[in-house]
Amino acid sequence: MDQVSALAALAALAHPTRLNAFRQLVRHAPEGLPTGALVEASGLTQSTFSTHLAVLAKAGLVIAERHGRRQIQRADIDMLRMLITFLARDCCQGRAELCEPLLADLTSC
């Protein structure tokens, strides 16, 4: 991942509605959720929420699939992994033992 892609992903996640939707999709990975369920959870109108989904999709964080009449939204876990790796790449000045508390936090989730 390059800096431009990382900035786009971080900017997309820098809004409460988009961050909440993305976290919800991550919790439901790999199956994803119908768009209607995400709209209902957000409390927003379909058109307003669709704008937020478009931002997440443009940043590469969400992938939509049509299943009959339903649209299923999925978090792109590979993109999330690349973003986390990009952010942590220079962590602790190459001293991996200093990052162990971070890894412990992730495994206790």
PDB file of N, CA and C in Angstrom:
ATOM      1  N   MET A   1       0.853  -1.175   0.000  1.00  0.00           N
ATOM      2  CA  MET A   1       0.000   0.000   0.000  1.00  0.00           C
ATOM      3  C   MET A   1       0.899   1.238   0.000  1.00  0.00           C
ATOM      4  N   ASP A   2       0.505   2.223  -0.768  1.00  0.00           N
ATOM      5  CA  ASP A   2       1.266   3.470  -0.796  1.00  0.00           C
ATOM      6  C   ASP A   2       0.554   4.522   0.060  1.00  0.00           C
ATOM      7  N   GLN A   3       1.208   5.647   0.216  1.00  0.00           N
ATOM      8  CA  GLN A   3       0.685   6.700   1.072  1.00  0.00           C
ATOM      9  C   GLN A   3      -0.648   7.249   0.568  1.00  0.00           C
ATOM     10  N   VAL A   4      -0.815   7.375  -0.735  1.00  0.00           N
ATOM     11  CA  VAL A   4      -2.057   7.907  -1.296  1.00  0.00           C
ATOM     12  C   VAL A   4      -3.232   6.988  -0.949  1.00  0.00           C
ATOM     13  N   SER A   5      -3.046   5.680  -1.106  1.00  0.00           N
ATOM     14  CA  SER A   5      -4.101   4.717  -0.775  1.00  0.00           C
ATOM     15  C   SER A   5      -4.400   4.720   0.715  1.00  0.00           C
ATOM     16  N   ALA A   6      -3.358   4.807   1.535  1.00  0.00           N
ATOM     17  CA  ALA A   6      -3.556   4.842   2.984  1.00  0.00           C
ATOM     18  C   ALA A   6      -4.338   6.094   3.386  1.00  0.00           C
ATOM     19  N   LEU A   7      -3.996   7.221   2.810  1.00  0.00           N
ATOM     20  CA  LEU A   7      -4.709   8.459   3.126  1.00  0.00           C
ATOM     21  C   LEU A   7      -6.177   8.387   2.701  1.00  0.00           C
ATOM     22  N   ALA A   8      -6.439   7.784   1.547  1.00  0.00           N
ATOM     23  CA  ALA A   8      -7.825   7.639   1.087  1.00  0.00           C
ATOM     24  C   ALA A   8      -8.614   6.755   2.050  1.00  0.00           C
ATOM     25  N   ALA A   9      -8.020   5.657   2.491  1.00  0.00           N
ATOM     26  CA  ALA A   9      -8.695   4.758   3.426  1.00  0.00           C
ATOM     27  C   ALA A   9      -8.931   5.437   4.767  1.00  0.00           C
ATOM     28  N   LEU A  10      -7.927   6.126   5.264  1.00  0.00           N
ATOM     29  CA  LEU A  10      -8.068   6.808   6.554  1.00  0.00           C
ATOM     30  C   LEU A  10      -9.097   7.935   6.475  1.00  0.00           C
ATOM     31  N   ALA A  11      -9.110   8.662   5.365  1.00  0.00           N
ATOM     32  CA  ALA A  11     -10.093   9.732   5.193  1.00  0.00           C
ATOM     33  C   ALA A  11     -11.508   9.144   5.140  1.00  0.00           C
ATOM     34  N   ALA A  12     -11.661   8.004   4.471  1.00  0.00           N
ATOM     35  CA  ALA A  12     -12.971   7.364   4.395  1.00  0.00           C
ATOM     36  C   ALA A  12     -13.448   6.927   5.776  1.00  0.00           C
ATOM     37  N   LEU A  13     -12.544   6.495   6.614  1.00  0.00           N
ATOM     38  CA  LEU A  13     -12.899   6.024   7.953  1.00  0.00           C
ATOM     39  C   LEU A  13     -13.024   7.165   8.964  1.00  0.00           C
ATOM     40  N   ALA A  14     -12.691   8.383   8.554  1.00  0.00           N
ATOM     41  CA  ALA A  14     -12.688   9.522   9.471  1.00  0.00           C
ATOM     42  C   ALA A  14     -14.062  10.167   9.617  1.00  0.00           C
ATOM     43  N   HIS A  15     -15.094   9.380   9.528  1.00  0.00           N
ATOM     44  CA  HIS A  15     -16.464   9.859   9.743  1.00  0.00           C
ATOM     45  C   HIS A  15     -17.183   8.804  10.568  1.00  0.00           C
ATOM     46  N   PRO A  16     -17.913   9.199  11.597  1.00  0.00           N
ATOM     47  CA  PRO A  16     -18.536   8.204  12.490  1.00  0.00           C
ATOM     48  C   PRO A  16     -19.427   7.187  11.775  1.00  0.00           C
ATOM     49  N   THR A  17     -20.225   7.635  10.824  1.00  0.00           N
ATOM     50  CA  THR A  17     -21.113   6.704  10.116  1.00  0.00           C
ATOM     51  C   THR A  17     -20.316   5.674   9.336  1.00  0.00           C
ATOM     52  N   ARG A  18     -19.294   6.127   8.627  1.00  0.00           N
ATOM     53  CA  ARG A  18     -18.501   5.200   7.815  1.00  0.00           C
ATOM     54  C   ARG A  18     -17.672   4.270   8.693  1.00  0.00           C
ATOM     55  N   LEU A  19     -17.101   4.798   9.747  1.00  0.00           N
ATOM     56  CA  LEU A  19     -16.317   3.960  10.652  1.00  0.00           C
ATOM     57  C   LEU A  19     -17.207   2.888  11.282  1.00  0.00           C
ATOM     58  N   ASN A  20     -18.391   3.270  11.751  1.00  0.00           N
ATOM     59  CA  ASN A  20     -19.309   2.302  12.351  1.00  0.00           C
ATOM     60  C   ASN A  20     -19.738   1.238  11.345  1.00  0.00           C
ATOM     61  N   ALA A  21     -20.048   1.648  10.137  1.00  0.00           N
ATOM     62  CA  ALA A  21     -20.465   0.692   9.100  1.00  0.00           C
ATOM     63  C   ALA A  21     -19.325  -0.263   8.770  1.00  0.00           C
ATOM     64  N   PHE A  22     -18.126   0.265   8.631  1.00  0.00           N
ATOM     65  CA  PHE A  22     -16.983  -0.591   8.298  1.00  0.00           C
ATOM     66  C   PHE A  22     -16.703  -1.579   9.426  1.00  0.00           C
ATOM     67  N   ARG A  23     -16.740  -1.112  10.658  1.00  0.00           N
ATOM     68  CA  ARG A  23     -16.513  -2.014  11.796  1.00  0.00           C
ATOM     69  C   ARG A  23     -17.585  -3.097  11.851  1.00  0.00           C
ATOM     70  N   GLN A  24     -18.808  -2.723  11.538  1.00  0.00           N
ATOM     71  CA  GLN A  24     -19.891  -3.708  11.510  1.00  0.00           C
ATOM     72  C   GLN A  24     -19.631  -4.757  10.421  1.00  0.00           C
ATOM     73  N   LEU A  25     -19.169  -4.314   9.261  1.00  0.00           N
ATOM     74  CA  LEU A  25     -18.861  -5.250   8.180  1.00  0.00           C
ATOM     75  C   LEU A  25     -17.671  -6.141   8.532  1.00  0.00           C
ATOM     76  N   VAL A  26     -16.688  -5.596   9.218  1.00  0.00           N
ATOM     77  CA  VAL A  26     -15.540  -6.405   9.646  1.00  0.00           C
ATOM     78  C   VAL A  26     -16.012  -7.492  10.610  1.00  0.00           C
ATOM     79  N   ARG A  27     -16.922  -7.145  11.518  1.00  0.00           N
ATOM     80  CA  ARG A  27     -17.458  -8.132  12.464  1.00  0.00           C
ATOM     81  C   ARG A  27     -18.231  -9.236  11.751  1.00  0.00           C
ATOM     82  N   HIS A  28     -18.801  -8.925  10.591  1.00  0.00           N
ATOM     83  CA  HIS A  28     -19.592  -9.897   9.849  1.00  0.00           C
ATOM     84  C   HIS A  28     -18.844 -10.463   8.638  1.00  0.00           C
ATOM     85  N   ALA A  29     -17.535 -10.316   8.632  1.00  0.00           N
ATOM     86  CA  ALA A  29     -16.732 -10.873   7.535  1.00  0.00           C
ATOM     87  C   ALA A  29     -16.621 -12.382   7.730  1.00  0.00           C
ATOM     88  N   PRO A  30     -16.559 -13.144   6.703  1.00  0.00           N
ATOM     89  CA  PRO A  30     -16.545 -12.751   5.289  1.00  0.00           C
ATOM     90  C   PRO A  30     -17.929 -12.667   4.655  1.00  0.00           C
ATOM     91  N   GLU A  31     -18.994 -13.034   5.388  1.00  0.00           N
ATOM     92  CA  GLU A  31     -20.329 -13.092   4.793  1.00  0.00           C
ATOM     93  C   GLU A  31     -20.848 -11.726   4.357  1.00  0.00           C
ATOM     94  N   GLY A  32     -20.556 -10.684   5.136  1.00  0.00           N
ATOM     95  CA  GLY A  32     -21.069  -9.361   4.827  1.00  0.00           C
ATOM     96  C   GLY A  32     -22.494  -9.186   5.315  1.00  0.00           C
ATOM     97  N   LEU A  33     -23.070  -8.065   4.971  1.00  0.00           N
ATOM     98  CA  LEU A  33     -24.431  -7.724   5.383  1.00  0.00           C
ATOM     99  C   LEU A  33     -25.191  -7.093   4.225  1.00  0.00           C
ATOM    100  N   PRO A  34     -26.505  -7.297   4.203  1.00  0.00           N
ATOM    101  CA  PRO A  34     -27.306  -6.590   3.200  1.00  0.00           C
ATOM    102  C   PRO A  34     -27.255  -5.084   3.448  1.00  0.00           C
ATOM    103  N   THR A  35     -27.299  -4.328   2.380  1.00  0.00           N
ATOM    104  CA  THR A  35     -27.272  -2.876   2.500  1.00  0.00           C
ATOM    105  C   THR A  35     -28.386  -2.384   3.413  1.00  0.00           C
ATOM    106  N   GLY A  36     -29.560  -2.978   3.303  1.00  0.00           N
ATOM    107  CA  GLY A  36     -30.694  -2.565   4.125  1.00  0.00           C
ATOM    108  C   GLY A  36     -30.420  -2.680   5.613  1.00  0.00           C
ATOM    109  N   ALA A  37     -29.704  -3.724   6.020  1.00  0.00           N
ATOM    110  CA  ALA A  37     -29.373  -3.895   7.440  1.00  0.00           C
ATOM    111  C   ALA A  37     -28.428  -2.793   7.906  1.00  0.00           C
ATOM    112  N   LEU A  38     -27.490  -2.418   7.052  1.00  0.00           N
ATOM    113  CA  LEU A  38     -26.562  -1.338   7.392  1.00  0.00           C
ATOM    114  C   LEU A  38     -27.292  -0.001   7.482  1.00  0.00           C
ATOM    115  N   VAL A  39     -28.206   0.233   6.542  1.00  0.00           N
ATOM    116  CA  VAL A  39     -28.988   1.473   6.554  1.00  0.00           C
ATOM    117  C   VAL A  39     -29.806   1.549   7.836  1.00  0.00           C
ATOM    118  N   GLU A  40     -30.472   0.451   8.174  1.00  0.00           N
ATOM    119  CA  GLU A  40     -31.304   0.426   9.377  1.00  0.00           C
ATOM    120  C   GLU A  40     -30.470   0.691  10.633  1.00  0.00           C
ATOM    121  N   ALA A  41     -29.306   0.078  10.717  1.00  0.00           N
ATOM    122  CA  ALA A  41     -28.444   0.269  11.893  1.00  0.00           C
ATOM    123  C   ALA A  41     -27.938   1.703  11.995  1.00  0.00           C
ATOM    124  N   SER A  42     -27.770   2.360  10.845  1.00  0.00           N
ATOM    125  CA  SER A  42     -27.238   3.727  10.850  1.00  0.00           C
ATOM    126  C   SER A  42     -28.277   4.761  11.260  1.00  0.00           C
ATOM    127  N   GLY A  43     -29.559   4.463  11.006  1.00  0.00           N
ATOM    128  CA  GLY A  43     -30.602   5.433  11.290  1.00  0.00           C
ATOM    129  C   GLY A  43     -30.714   6.529  10.244  1.00  0.00           C
ATOM    130  N   LEU A  44     -29.984   6.384   9.147  1.00  0.00           N
ATOM    131  CA  LEU A  44     -30.005   7.387   8.078  1.00  0.00           C
ATOM    132  C   LEU A  44     -30.950   6.955   6.965  1.00  0.00           C
ATOM    133  N   THR A  45     -31.226   7.857   6.058  1.00  0.00           N
ATOM    134  CA  THR A  45     -32.001   7.490   4.874  1.00  0.00           C
ATOM    135  C   THR A  45     -31.115   6.660   3.946  1.00  0.00           C
ATOM    136  N   GLN A  46     -31.759   5.912   3.070  1.00  0.00           N
ATOM    137  CA  GLN A  46     -31.033   5.080   2.099  1.00  0.00           C
ATOM    138  C   GLN A  46     -30.078   5.927   1.256  1.00  0.00           C
ATOM    139  N   SER A  47     -30.551   7.076   0.778  1.00  0.00           N
ATOM    140  CA  SER A  47     -29.709   7.900  -0.109  1.00  0.00           C
ATOM    141  C   SER A  47     -28.507   8.475   0.634  1.00  0.00           C
ATOM    142  N   THR A  48     -28.711   8.909   1.863  1.00  0.00           N
ATOM    143  CA  THR A  48     -27.586   9.453   2.642  1.00  0.00           C
ATOM    144  C   THR A  48     -26.574   8.360   2.940  1.00  0.00           C
ATOM    145  N   PHE A  49     -27.072   7.187   3.338  1.00  0.00           N
ATOM    146  CA  PHE A  49     -26.155   6.096   3.656  1.00  0.00           C
ATOM    147  C   PHE A  49     -25.413   5.619   2.415  1.00  0.00           C
ATOM    148  N   SER A  50     -26.089   5.611   1.274  1.00  0.00           N
ATOM    149  CA  SER A  50     -25.439   5.197   0.026  1.00  0.00           C
ATOM    150  C   SER A  50     -24.248   6.077  -0.306  1.00  0.00           C
ATOM    151  N   THR A  51     -24.343   7.356   0.021  1.00  0.00           N
ATOM    152  CA  THR A  51     -23.222   8.270  -0.193  1.00  0.00           C
ATOM    153  C   THR A  51     -22.023   7.836   0.655  1.00  0.00           C
ATOM    154  N   HIS A  52     -22.284   7.453   1.894  1.00  0.00           N
ATOM    155  CA  HIS A  52     -21.206   6.989   2.770  1.00  0.00           C
ATOM    156  C   HIS A  52     -20.605   5.676   2.247  1.00  0.00           C
ATOM    157  N   LEU A  53     -21.458   4.771   1.782  1.00  0.00           N
ATOM    158  CA  LEU A  53     -20.958   3.514   1.224  1.00  0.00           C
ATOM    159  C   LEU A  53     -20.078   3.760   0.001  1.00  0.00           C
ATOM    160  N   ALA A  54     -20.467   4.715  -0.814  1.00  0.00           N
ATOM    161  CA  ALA A  54     -19.689   5.038  -2.013  1.00  0.00           C
ATOM    162  C   ALA A  54     -18.287   5.514  -1.636  1.00  0.00           C
ATOM    163  N   VAL A  55     -18.172   6.276  -0.572  1.00  0.00           N
ATOM    164  CA  VAL A  55     -16.853   6.745  -0.110  1.00  0.00           C
ATOM    165  C   VAL A  55     -16.004   5.555   0.322  1.00  0.00           C
ATOM    166  N   LEU A  56     -16.601   4.626   1.080  1.00  0.00           N
ATOM    167  CA  LEU A  56     -15.867   3.438   1.525  1.00  0.00           C
ATOM    168  C   LEU A  56     -15.455   2.566   0.336  1.00  0.00           C
ATOM    169  N   ALA A  57     -16.340   2.438  -0.628  1.00  0.00           N
ATOM    170  CA  ALA A  57     -16.037   1.630  -1.813  1.00  0.00           C
ATOM    171  C   ALA A  57     -14.927   2.274  -2.645  1.00  0.00           C
ATOM    172  N   LYS A  58     -14.993   3.581  -2.813  1.00  0.00           N
ATOM    173  CA  LYS A  58     -13.964   4.280  -3.592  1.00  0.00           C
ATOM    174  C   LYS A  58     -12.591   4.136  -2.953  1.00  0.00           C
ATOM    175  N   ALA A  59     -12.555   4.071  -1.622  1.00  0.00           N
ATOM    176  CA  ALA A  59     -11.294   3.892  -0.907  1.00  0.00           C
ATOM    177  C   ALA A  59     -10.844   2.434  -0.920  1.00  0.00           C
ATOM    178  N   GLY A  60     -11.677   1.547  -1.457  1.00  0.00           N
ATOM    179  CA  GLY A  60     -11.307   0.134  -1.546  1.00  0.00           C
ATOM    180  C   GLY A  60     -11.579  -0.664  -0.282  1.00  0.00           C
ATOM    181  N   LEU A  61     -12.323  -0.096   0.642  1.00  0.00           N
ATOM    182  CA  LEU A  61     -12.571  -0.769   1.916  1.00  0.00           C
ATOM    183  C   LEU A  61     -13.804  -1.665   1.897  1.00  0.00           C
ATOM    184  N   VAL A  62     -14.740  -1.406   0.986  1.00  0.00           N
ATOM    185  CA  VAL A  62     -15.989  -2.160   0.923  1.00  0.00           C
ATOM    186  C   VAL A  62     -16.221  -2.625  -0.509  1.00  0.00           C
ATOM    187  N   ILE A  63     -16.691  -3.859  -0.612  1.00  0.00           N
ATOM    188  CA  ILE A  63     -17.021  -4.456  -1.909  1.00  0.00           C
ATOM    189  C   ILE A  63     -18.496  -4.836  -1.879  1.00  0.00           C
ATOM    190  N   ALA A  64     -19.228  -4.471  -2.927  1.00  0.00           N
ATOM    191  CA  ALA A  64     -20.651  -4.797  -3.021  1.00  0.00           C
ATOM    192  C   ALA A  64     -20.844  -5.948  -3.998  1.00  0.00           C
ATOM    193  N   GLU A  65     -21.756  -6.856  -3.644  1.00  0.00           N
ATOM    194  CA  GLU A  65     -22.125  -7.968  -4.516  1.00  0.00           C
ATOM    195  C   GLU A  65     -23.644  -8.046  -4.576  1.00  0.00           C
ATOM    196  N   ARG A  66     -24.168  -8.268  -5.753  1.00  0.00           N
ATOM    197  CA  ARG A  66     -25.605  -8.415  -5.906  1.00  0.00           C
ATOM    198  C   ARG A  66     -25.952  -9.897  -5.804  1.00  0.00           C
ATOM    199  N   HIS A  67     -26.925 -10.189  -4.950  1.00  0.00           N
ATOM    200  CA  HIS A  67     -27.473 -11.537  -4.797  1.00  0.00           C
ATOM    201  C   HIS A  67     -28.971 -11.435  -5.020  1.00  0.00           C
ATOM    202  N   GLY A  68     -29.391 -11.699  -6.244  1.00  0.00           N
ATOM    203  CA  GLY A  68     -30.804 -11.524  -6.575  1.00  0.00           C
ATOM    204  C   GLY A  68     -31.172 -10.057  -6.474  1.00  0.00           C
ATOM    205  N   ARG A  69     -32.137  -9.764  -5.636  1.00  0.00           N
ATOM    206  CA  ARG A  69     -32.569  -8.372  -5.455  1.00  0.00           C
ATOM    207  C   ARG A  69     -31.809  -7.679  -4.338  1.00  0.00           C
ATOM    208  N   ARG A  70     -31.009  -8.427  -3.597  1.00  0.00           N
ATOM    209  CA  ARG A  70     -30.290  -7.853  -2.450  1.00  0.00           C
ATOM    210  C   ARG A  70     -28.857  -7.500  -2.826  1.00  0.00           C
ATOM    211  N   GLN A  71     -28.396  -6.423  -2.249  1.00  0.00           N
ATOM    212  CA  GLN A  71     -27.009  -5.987  -2.400  1.00  0.00           C
ATOM    213  C   GLN A  71     -26.312  -6.337  -1.083  1.00  0.00           C
ATOM    214  N   ILE A  72     -25.260  -7.136  -1.149  1.00  0.00           N
ATOM    215  CA  ILE A  72     -24.495  -7.521   0.031  1.00  0.00           C
ATOM    216  C   ILE A  72     -23.210  -6.708   0.056  1.00  0.00           C
ATOM    217  N   GLN A  73     -22.934  -6.090   1.182  1.00  0.00           N
ATOM    218  CA  GLN A  73     -21.712  -5.302   1.368  1.00  0.00           C
ATOM    219  C   GLN A  73     -20.723  -6.129   2.182  1.00  0.00           C
ATOM    220  N   ARG A  74     -19.469  -6.128   1.756  1.00  0.00           N
ATOM    221  CA  ARG A  74     -18.429  -6.860   2.462  1.00  0.00           C
ATOM    222  C   ARG A  74     -17.231  -5.954   2.711  1.00  0.00           C
ATOM    223  N   ALA A  75     -16.647  -6.086   3.885  1.00  0.00           N
ATOM    224  CA  ALA A  75     -15.391  -5.389   4.153  1.00  0.00           C
ATOM    225  C   ALA A  75     -14.293  -6.090   3.372  1.00  0.00           C
ATOM    226  N   ASP A  76     -13.438  -5.337   2.744  1.00  0.00           N
ATOM    227  CA  ASP A  76     -12.285  -5.920   2.060  1.00  0.00           C
ATOM    228  C   ASP A  76     -11.193  -6.125   3.108  1.00  0.00           C
ATOM    229  N   ILE A  77     -11.127  -7.331   3.635  1.00  0.00           N
ATOM    230  CA  ILE A  77     -10.196  -7.641   4.721  1.00  0.00           C
ATOM    231  C   ILE A  77      -8.748  -7.536   4.250  1.00  0.00           C
ATOM    232  N   ASP A  78      -8.486  -7.841   2.992  1.00  0.00           N
ATOM    233  CA  ASP A  78      -7.121  -7.680   2.471  1.00  0.00           C
ATOM    234  C   ASP A  78      -6.698  -6.217   2.508  1.00  0.00           C
ATOM    235  N   MET A  79      -7.623  -5.316   2.163  1.00  0.00           N
ATOM    236  CA  MET A  79      -7.311  -3.881   2.210  1.00  0.00           C
ATOM    237  C   MET A  79      -7.078  -3.440   3.649  1.00  0.00           C
ATOM    238  N   LEU A  80      -7.886  -3.935   4.575  1.00  0.00           N
ATOM    239  CA  LEU A  80      -7.695  -3.617   5.986  1.00  0.00           C
ATOM    240  C   LEU A  80      -6.327  -4.099   6.454  1.00  0.00           C
ATOM    241  N   ARG A  81      -5.962  -5.301   6.062  1.00  0.00           N
ATOM    242  CA  ARG A  81      -4.650  -5.855   6.435  1.00  0.00           C
ATOM    243  C   ARG A  81      -3.513  -4.987   5.878  1.00  0.00           C
ATOM    244  N   MET A  82      -3.660  -4.549   4.631  1.00  0.00           N
ATOM    245  CA  MET A  82      -2.621  -3.691   4.035  1.00  0.00           C
ATOM    246  C   MET A  82      -2.519  -2.356   4.768  1.00  0.00           C
ATOM    247  N   LEU A  83      -3.673  -1.794   5.158  1.00  0.00           N
ATOM    248  CA  LEU A  83      -3.665  -0.523   5.881  1.00  0.00           C
ATOM    249  C   LEU A  83      -2.985  -0.684   7.240  1.00  0.00           C
ATOM    250  N   ILE A  84      -3.328  -1.727   7.956  1.00  0.00           N
ATOM    251  CA  ILE A  84      -2.711  -1.965   9.269  1.00  0.00           C
ATOM    252  C   ILE A  84      -1.211  -2.182   9.121  1.00  0.00           C
ATOM    253  N   THR A  85      -0.820  -2.950   8.115  1.00  0.00           N
ATOM    254  CA  THR A  85       0.602  -3.191   7.873  1.00  0.00           C
ATOM    255  C   THR A  85       1.316  -1.892   7.525  1.00  0.00           C
ATOM    256  N   PHE A  86       0.689  -1.072   6.681  1.00  0.00           N
ATOM    257  CA  PHE A  86       1.276   0.211   6.321  1.00  0.00           C
ATOM    258  C   PHE A  86       1.512   1.069   7.564  1.00  0.00           C
ATOM    259  N   LEU A  87       0.526   1.105   8.456  1.00  0.00           N
ATOM    260  CA  LEU A  87       0.641   1.926   9.663  1.00  0.00           C
ATOM    261  C   LEU A  87       1.675   1.376  10.641  1.00  0.00           C
ATOM    262  N   ALA A  88       1.805   0.064  10.696  1.00  0.00           N
ATOM    263  CA  ALA A  88       2.690  -0.547  11.686  1.00  0.00           C
ATOM    264  C   ALA A  88       4.095  -0.841  11.152  1.00  0.00           C
ATOM    265  N   ARG A  89       4.298  -0.659   9.870  1.00  0.00           N
ATOM    266  CA  ARG A  89       5.570  -1.037   9.244  1.00  0.00           C
ATOM    267  C   ARG A  89       6.781  -0.431   9.960  1.00  0.00           C
ATOM    268  N   ASP A  90       6.701   0.810  10.334  1.00  0.00           N
ATOM    269  CA  ASP A  90       7.840   1.479  10.957  1.00  0.00           C
ATOM    270  C   ASP A  90       7.728   1.518  12.477  1.00  0.00           C
ATOM    271  N   CYS A  91       6.801   0.727  13.006  1.00  0.00           N
ATOM    272  CA  CYS A  91       6.544   0.717  14.437  1.00  0.00           C
ATOM    273  C   CYS A  91       7.792   0.364  15.232  1.00  0.00           C
ATOM    274  N   CYS A  92       8.030   1.111  16.249  1.00  0.00           N
ATOM    275  CA  CYS A  92       9.049   0.799  17.248  1.00  0.00           C
ATOM    276  C   CYS A  92      10.468   0.774  16.689  1.00  0.00           C
ATOM    277  N   GLN A  93      10.692   1.497  15.614  1.00  0.00           N
ATOM    278  CA  GLN A  93      12.026   1.646  15.030  1.00  0.00           C
ATOM    279  C   GLN A  93      12.719   0.307  14.802  1.00  0.00           C
ATOM    280  N   GLY A  94      11.937  -0.669  14.313  1.00  0.00           N
ATOM    281  CA  GLY A  94      12.509  -1.970  13.997  1.00  0.00           C
ATOM    282  C   GLY A  94      12.681  -2.888  15.186  1.00  0.00           C
ATOM    283  N   ARG A  95      12.257  -2.464  16.353  1.00  0.00           N
ATOM    284  CA  ARG A  95      12.383  -3.302  17.555  1.00  0.00           C
ATOM    285  C   ARG A  95      11.033  -3.955  17.822  1.00  0.00           C
ATOM    286  N   ALA A  96      10.838  -5.121  17.255  1.00  0.00           N
ATOM    287  CA  ALA A  96       9.550  -5.812  17.299  1.00  0.00           C
ATOM    288  C   ALA A  96       9.052  -6.048  18.720  1.00  0.00           C
ATOM    289  N   GLU A  97       9.947  -6.238  19.671  1.00  0.00           N
ATOM    290  CA  GLU A  97       9.515  -6.517  21.048  1.00  0.00           C
ATOM    291  C   GLU A  97       8.729  -5.353  21.649  1.00  0.00           C
ATOM    292  N   LEU A  98       8.959  -4.133  21.152  1.00  0.00           N
ATOM    293  CA  LEU A  98       8.220  -2.984  21.642  1.00  0.00           C
ATOM    294  C   LEU A  98       6.769  -2.974  21.135  1.00  0.00           C
ATOM    295  N   CYS A  99       6.497  -3.699  20.073  1.00  0.00           N
ATOM    296  CA  CYS A  99       5.150  -3.762  19.516  1.00  0.00           C
ATOM    297  C   CYS A  99       4.333  -4.911  20.096  1.00  0.00           C
ATOM    298  N   GLU A 100       4.923  -5.731  20.932  1.00  0.00           N
ATOM    299  CA  GLU A 100       4.193  -6.873  21.488  1.00  0.00           C
ATOM    300  C   GLU A 100       2.916  -6.486  22.221  1.00  0.00           C
ATOM    301  N   PRO A 101       2.884  -5.378  22.985  1.00  0.00           N
ATOM    302  CA  PRO A 101       1.600  -5.016  23.610  1.00  0.00           C
ATOM    303  C   PRO A 101       0.491  -4.766  22.584  1.00  0.00           C
ATOM    304  N   LEU A 102       0.826  -4.192  21.448  1.00  0.00           N
ATOM    305  CA  LEU A 102      -0.149  -3.971  20.390  1.00  0.00           C
ATOM    306  C   LEU A 102      -0.681  -5.300  19.878  1.00  0.00           C
ATOM    307  N   LEU A 103       0.212  -6.228  19.631  1.00  0.00           N
ATOM    308  CA  LEU A 103      -0.203  -7.551  19.147  1.00  0.00           C
ATOM    309  C   LEU A 103      -1.041  -8.280  20.170  1.00  0.00           C
ATOM    310  N   ALA A 104      -0.712  -8.135  21.450  1.00  0.00           N
ATOM    311  CA  ALA A 104      -1.494  -8.768  22.511  1.00  0.00           C
ATOM    312  C   ALA A 104      -2.895  -8.199  22.554  1.00  0.00           C
ATOM    313  N   ASP A 105      -3.032  -6.892  22.346  1.00  0.00           N
ATOM    314  CA  ASP A 105      -4.355  -6.260  22.312  1.00  0.00           C
ATOM    315  C   ASP A 105      -5.194  -6.828  21.166  1.00  0.00           C
ATOM    316  N   LEU A 106      -4.550  -7.059  20.021  1.00  0.00           N
ATOM    317  CA  LEU A 106      -5.273  -7.570  18.870  1.00  0.00           C
ATOM    318  C   LEU A 106      -5.734  -8.998  19.078  1.00  0.00           C
ATOM    319  N   THR A 107      -4.945  -9.815  19.731  1.00  0.00           N
ATOM    320  CA  THR A 107      -5.311 -11.201  19.925  1.00  0.00           C
ATOM    321  C   THR A 107      -6.351 -11.389  21.021  1.00  0.00           C
ATOM    322  N   SER A 108      -6.520 -10.401  21.895  1.00  0.00           N
ATOM    323  CA  SER A 108      -7.519 -10.526  22.954  1.00  0.00           C
ATOM    324  C   SER A 108      -8.904 -10.074  22.517  1.00  0.00           C
ATOM    325  N   CYS A 109      -9.032  -9.593  21.273  1.00  0.00           N
ATOM    326  CA  CYS A 109     -10.339  -9.116  20.773  1.00  0.00           C
ATOM    327  C   CYS A 109     -11.318 -10.241  20.617  1.00  0.00           C
TER     328      CYS A 109
END
